[in-house]
N, C-alpha and C. Protein backbone atom coordinates (compact mmCIF):
# COMPACT_ATOMS: atom_id res chain seq x y z
N MET A 1 80.21 187.71 28.47
CA MET A 1 79.54 188.99 28.37
C MET A 1 78.31 189.05 29.28
N GLU A 2 77.53 187.95 29.34
CA GLU A 2 76.33 187.93 30.18
C GLU A 2 76.68 188.12 31.65
N LYS A 3 77.80 187.56 32.11
CA LYS A 3 78.20 187.70 33.51
C LYS A 3 78.49 189.16 33.83
N ILE A 4 79.07 189.89 32.90
CA ILE A 4 79.38 191.31 33.12
C ILE A 4 78.10 192.12 33.24
N ILE A 5 77.11 191.84 32.40
CA ILE A 5 75.85 192.56 32.45
C ILE A 5 75.13 192.28 33.77
N VAL A 6 75.07 191.04 34.19
CA VAL A 6 74.42 190.68 35.45
C VAL A 6 75.13 191.34 36.62
N LEU A 7 76.45 191.32 36.62
CA LEU A 7 77.23 191.96 37.68
C LEU A 7 76.97 193.46 37.71
N SER A 8 76.86 194.08 36.56
CA SER A 8 76.57 195.51 36.49
C SER A 8 75.21 195.82 37.09
N ILE A 9 74.22 194.99 36.81
CA ILE A 9 72.88 195.20 37.36
C ILE A 9 72.91 195.04 38.88
N ILE A 10 73.59 194.03 39.37
CA ILE A 10 73.69 193.81 40.82
C ILE A 10 74.40 194.97 41.49
N LEU A 11 75.50 195.43 40.92
CA LEU A 11 76.23 196.56 41.50
C LEU A 11 75.40 197.84 41.46
N SER A 12 74.67 198.06 40.39
CA SER A 12 73.82 199.25 40.29
C SER A 12 72.75 199.23 41.37
N SER A 13 72.13 198.08 41.60
CA SER A 13 71.11 197.98 42.65
C SER A 13 71.72 198.22 44.02
N ALA A 14 72.91 197.71 44.26
CA ALA A 14 73.56 197.89 45.55
C ALA A 14 73.95 199.34 45.78
N LEU A 15 74.39 200.03 44.73
CA LEU A 15 74.82 201.41 44.86
C LEU A 15 73.65 202.39 44.90
N PHE A 16 72.65 202.16 44.10
CA PHE A 16 71.57 203.12 43.95
C PHE A 16 70.26 202.67 44.58
N GLY A 17 70.15 201.44 44.97
CA GLY A 17 68.92 200.93 45.54
C GLY A 17 67.89 200.61 44.48
N ALA A 18 66.94 199.81 44.85
CA ALA A 18 65.87 199.42 43.94
C ALA A 18 64.74 200.44 44.01
N ASN A 19 63.89 200.42 43.00
CA ASN A 19 62.71 201.28 42.98
C ASN A 19 61.47 200.40 43.08
N HIS A 20 60.58 200.74 44.00
CA HIS A 20 59.34 200.02 44.21
C HIS A 20 58.18 200.95 43.89
N VAL A 21 57.25 200.50 43.07
CA VAL A 21 56.12 201.34 42.67
C VAL A 21 54.88 200.98 43.48
N ILE A 22 54.28 201.99 44.08
CA ILE A 22 53.03 201.84 44.81
C ILE A 22 51.97 202.61 44.01
N ASP A 23 50.94 201.90 43.59
CA ASP A 23 49.87 202.54 42.84
C ASP A 23 48.82 203.07 43.81
N GLN A 24 48.29 204.23 43.50
CA GLN A 24 47.19 204.82 44.26
C GLN A 24 45.98 204.86 43.34
N LYS A 25 45.05 203.96 43.58
CA LYS A 25 43.87 203.87 42.73
C LYS A 25 42.70 203.40 43.58
N GLY A 26 41.54 204.01 43.37
CA GLY A 26 40.36 203.64 44.16
C GLY A 26 40.53 203.99 45.63
N LYS A 27 41.26 205.06 45.89
CA LYS A 27 41.54 205.53 47.25
C LYS A 27 42.20 204.45 48.10
N THR A 28 43.16 203.74 47.49
CA THR A 28 43.92 202.72 48.22
C THR A 28 45.35 202.65 47.68
N PHE A 29 46.28 202.25 48.54
CA PHE A 29 47.65 201.97 48.13
C PHE A 29 47.71 200.50 47.71
N THR A 30 48.30 200.23 46.56
CA THR A 30 48.46 198.86 46.10
C THR A 30 49.92 198.61 45.73
N PRO A 31 50.58 197.65 46.38
CA PRO A 31 50.06 196.78 47.43
C PRO A 31 49.88 197.54 48.75
N HIS A 32 49.28 196.87 49.74
CA HIS A 32 49.03 197.49 51.04
C HIS A 32 50.22 197.38 51.98
N SER A 33 51.16 196.49 51.64
CA SER A 33 52.36 196.28 52.45
C SER A 33 53.52 196.00 51.51
N ILE A 34 54.70 196.51 51.86
CA ILE A 34 55.87 196.33 51.00
C ILE A 34 57.13 196.18 51.85
N SER A 35 58.02 195.29 51.42
CA SER A 35 59.33 195.13 52.06
C SER A 35 60.38 195.77 51.15
N VAL A 36 61.20 196.61 51.73
CA VAL A 36 62.23 197.32 50.97
C VAL A 36 63.55 197.26 51.73
N ALA A 37 64.61 197.67 51.07
CA ALA A 37 65.92 197.76 51.71
C ALA A 37 66.26 199.24 51.92
N VAL A 38 67.09 199.50 52.92
CA VAL A 38 67.59 200.86 53.13
C VAL A 38 68.30 201.29 51.85
N GLY A 39 67.99 202.49 51.39
CA GLY A 39 68.56 202.99 50.14
C GLY A 39 67.64 202.84 48.95
N ASP A 40 66.59 202.02 49.10
CA ASP A 40 65.61 201.86 48.03
C ASP A 40 64.72 203.10 47.93
N THR A 41 64.04 203.21 46.81
CA THR A 41 63.11 204.31 46.57
C THR A 41 61.72 203.74 46.38
N ILE A 42 60.73 204.42 46.93
CA ILE A 42 59.33 204.08 46.68
C ILE A 42 58.76 205.18 45.79
N THR A 43 58.23 204.79 44.64
CA THR A 43 57.56 205.73 43.75
C THR A 43 56.06 205.56 43.90
N PHE A 44 55.40 206.66 44.25
CA PHE A 44 53.96 206.68 44.40
C PHE A 44 53.36 207.15 43.08
N LYS A 45 52.55 206.28 42.47
CA LYS A 45 51.93 206.56 41.17
C LYS A 45 50.45 206.86 41.41
N ASN A 46 50.00 208.04 41.03
CA ASN A 46 48.60 208.42 41.21
C ASN A 46 47.80 208.04 39.97
N SER A 47 47.08 206.94 40.06
CA SER A 47 46.25 206.47 38.95
C SER A 47 44.80 206.89 39.10
N ASP A 48 44.48 207.66 40.14
CA ASP A 48 43.13 208.15 40.34
C ASP A 48 42.91 209.47 39.60
N PRO A 49 41.66 209.85 39.37
CA PRO A 49 41.37 211.11 38.69
C PRO A 49 41.33 212.32 39.65
N PHE A 50 41.85 212.13 40.86
CA PHE A 50 41.88 213.21 41.85
C PHE A 50 43.21 213.15 42.61
N ALA A 51 43.50 214.19 43.36
CA ALA A 51 44.78 214.32 44.06
C ALA A 51 44.92 213.35 45.22
N HIS A 52 46.18 213.03 45.52
CA HIS A 52 46.56 212.24 46.69
C HIS A 52 47.74 212.93 47.38
N ASN A 53 48.10 212.38 48.52
CA ASN A 53 49.28 212.81 49.27
C ASN A 53 49.77 211.59 50.03
N ALA A 54 51.07 211.34 50.01
CA ALA A 54 51.64 210.24 50.79
C ALA A 54 52.65 210.83 51.76
N TYR A 55 52.52 210.43 53.01
CA TYR A 55 53.44 210.95 54.03
C TYR A 55 53.61 209.93 55.14
N THR A 56 54.69 210.09 55.89
CA THR A 56 54.89 209.32 57.11
C THR A 56 55.52 210.24 58.16
N ASP A 57 55.13 210.01 59.40
CA ASP A 57 55.72 210.75 60.52
C ASP A 57 56.84 209.96 61.19
N ASP A 58 57.20 208.81 60.60
CA ASP A 58 58.27 208.00 61.16
C ASP A 58 59.54 208.83 61.24
N GLU A 59 60.12 208.96 62.42
CA GLU A 59 61.28 209.83 62.61
C GLU A 59 62.47 209.45 61.74
N ALA A 60 62.68 208.17 61.52
CA ALA A 60 63.85 207.72 60.75
C ALA A 60 63.66 207.91 59.24
N ASN A 61 62.43 207.90 58.77
CA ASN A 61 62.16 207.96 57.33
C ASN A 61 61.11 209.00 56.98
N GLU A 62 61.01 210.06 57.74
CA GLU A 62 59.95 211.05 57.55
C GLU A 62 59.97 211.65 56.15
N PHE A 63 58.80 211.66 55.49
CA PHE A 63 58.65 212.34 54.21
C PHE A 63 57.20 212.74 54.00
N ASP A 64 57.00 213.70 53.13
CA ASP A 64 55.68 214.16 52.72
C ASP A 64 55.83 214.59 51.27
N ILE A 65 55.19 213.85 50.36
CA ILE A 65 55.37 214.15 48.93
C ILE A 65 54.52 215.32 48.46
N GLY A 66 53.70 215.88 49.34
CA GLY A 66 52.88 217.02 48.99
C GLY A 66 51.67 216.62 48.16
N MET A 67 51.01 217.61 47.58
CA MET A 67 49.83 217.37 46.76
C MET A 67 50.26 216.73 45.45
N GLN A 68 49.76 215.53 45.21
CA GLN A 68 50.12 214.76 44.02
C GLN A 68 48.94 214.74 43.06
N THR A 69 49.14 215.34 41.89
CA THR A 69 48.06 215.45 40.92
C THR A 69 47.84 214.12 40.19
N PRO A 70 46.66 213.95 39.59
CA PRO A 70 46.40 212.73 38.82
C PRO A 70 47.45 212.50 37.74
N GLY A 71 47.90 211.25 37.63
CA GLY A 71 48.90 210.89 36.63
C GLY A 71 50.33 211.17 37.04
N GLU A 72 50.53 211.82 38.17
CA GLU A 72 51.88 212.19 38.61
C GLU A 72 52.53 211.05 39.41
N ASP A 73 53.84 210.88 39.22
CA ASP A 73 54.65 209.95 40.00
C ASP A 73 55.60 210.76 40.87
N VAL A 74 55.66 210.43 42.16
CA VAL A 74 56.56 211.11 43.10
C VAL A 74 57.27 210.05 43.92
N SER A 75 58.57 210.25 44.17
CA SER A 75 59.36 209.24 44.88
C SER A 75 59.86 209.73 46.23
N ALA A 76 60.10 208.75 47.10
CA ALA A 76 60.69 209.00 48.42
C ALA A 76 61.74 207.92 48.67
N LYS A 77 62.86 208.29 49.25
CA LYS A 77 63.96 207.35 49.52
C LYS A 77 63.87 206.84 50.95
N ILE A 78 64.15 205.55 51.13
CA ILE A 78 64.15 204.92 52.45
C ILE A 78 65.55 205.09 53.05
N LEU A 79 65.61 205.72 54.21
CA LEU A 79 66.89 206.07 54.81
C LEU A 79 67.35 205.13 55.91
N LYS A 80 66.42 204.55 56.66
CA LYS A 80 66.80 203.68 57.78
C LYS A 80 65.86 202.50 57.90
N ALA A 81 66.36 201.45 58.55
CA ALA A 81 65.56 200.24 58.77
C ALA A 81 64.46 200.51 59.79
N GLY A 82 63.36 199.77 59.64
CA GLY A 82 62.25 199.88 60.58
C GLY A 82 60.94 199.56 59.90
N VAL A 83 59.88 199.56 60.67
CA VAL A 83 58.54 199.32 60.15
C VAL A 83 57.73 200.59 60.42
N PHE A 84 57.08 201.10 59.38
CA PHE A 84 56.30 202.32 59.54
C PHE A 84 55.14 202.34 58.55
N ASN A 85 54.18 203.22 58.81
CA ASN A 85 53.01 203.37 57.95
C ASN A 85 53.12 204.64 57.12
N VAL A 86 52.58 204.57 55.91
CA VAL A 86 52.43 205.72 55.04
C VAL A 86 50.94 205.94 54.89
N GLU A 87 50.52 207.20 54.98
CA GLU A 87 49.11 207.55 54.88
C GLU A 87 48.91 208.61 53.81
N CYS A 88 47.67 208.84 53.44
CA CYS A 88 47.29 209.91 52.53
C CYS A 88 46.58 210.97 53.37
N ALA A 89 47.08 212.21 53.35
CA ALA A 89 46.48 213.29 54.14
C ALA A 89 45.09 213.65 53.64
N ILE A 90 44.80 213.34 52.39
CA ILE A 90 43.50 213.68 51.80
C ILE A 90 42.47 212.58 52.06
N HIS A 91 42.92 211.33 52.02
CA HIS A 91 42.04 210.17 52.21
C HIS A 91 42.56 209.36 53.40
N PRO A 92 42.09 209.64 54.60
CA PRO A 92 42.65 209.05 55.82
C PRO A 92 42.53 207.53 55.93
N ASN A 93 41.70 206.89 55.12
CA ASN A 93 41.59 205.44 55.17
C ASN A 93 42.67 204.73 54.36
N MET A 94 43.45 205.48 53.59
CA MET A 94 44.55 204.88 52.81
C MET A 94 45.71 204.61 53.74
N LEU A 95 46.24 203.38 53.70
CA LEU A 95 47.33 202.99 54.60
C LEU A 95 48.26 202.02 53.89
N LEU A 96 49.55 202.29 53.98
CA LEU A 96 50.59 201.43 53.43
C LEU A 96 51.56 201.09 54.55
N GLU A 97 51.85 199.80 54.74
CA GLU A 97 52.86 199.38 55.71
C GLU A 97 54.18 199.18 54.96
N VAL A 98 55.24 199.81 55.46
CA VAL A 98 56.57 199.67 54.87
C VAL A 98 57.47 198.95 55.87
N ILE A 99 58.09 197.87 55.41
CA ILE A 99 59.05 197.12 56.22
C ILE A 99 60.41 197.34 55.56
N ALA A 100 61.25 198.14 56.21
CA ALA A 100 62.56 198.48 55.67
C ALA A 100 63.64 197.73 56.41
N LYS A 101 64.47 196.99 55.65
CA LYS A 101 65.54 196.19 56.26
C LYS A 101 66.88 196.72 55.86
């Protein structure tokens, strides 16, 4: 029975991708760098008492989650391999490096 459960978890991850949580607190992305696989999702969690925005201009993985209110979680899916930065349009010193394989 345990082998079936483990296999189900592995197949689910392969089909749907993993979810990686990036916390936004103290006007910083934590962690500052993350390695993900194509098909994975990054969830941006706003733990600050003010709004944030996460976006990238990377052509292969372009996204903009819009205005993110305090306590809100918003996700973006990784579509292609590459290395790119995610920034906050509200706080320009916030920077996240994404390494997608």
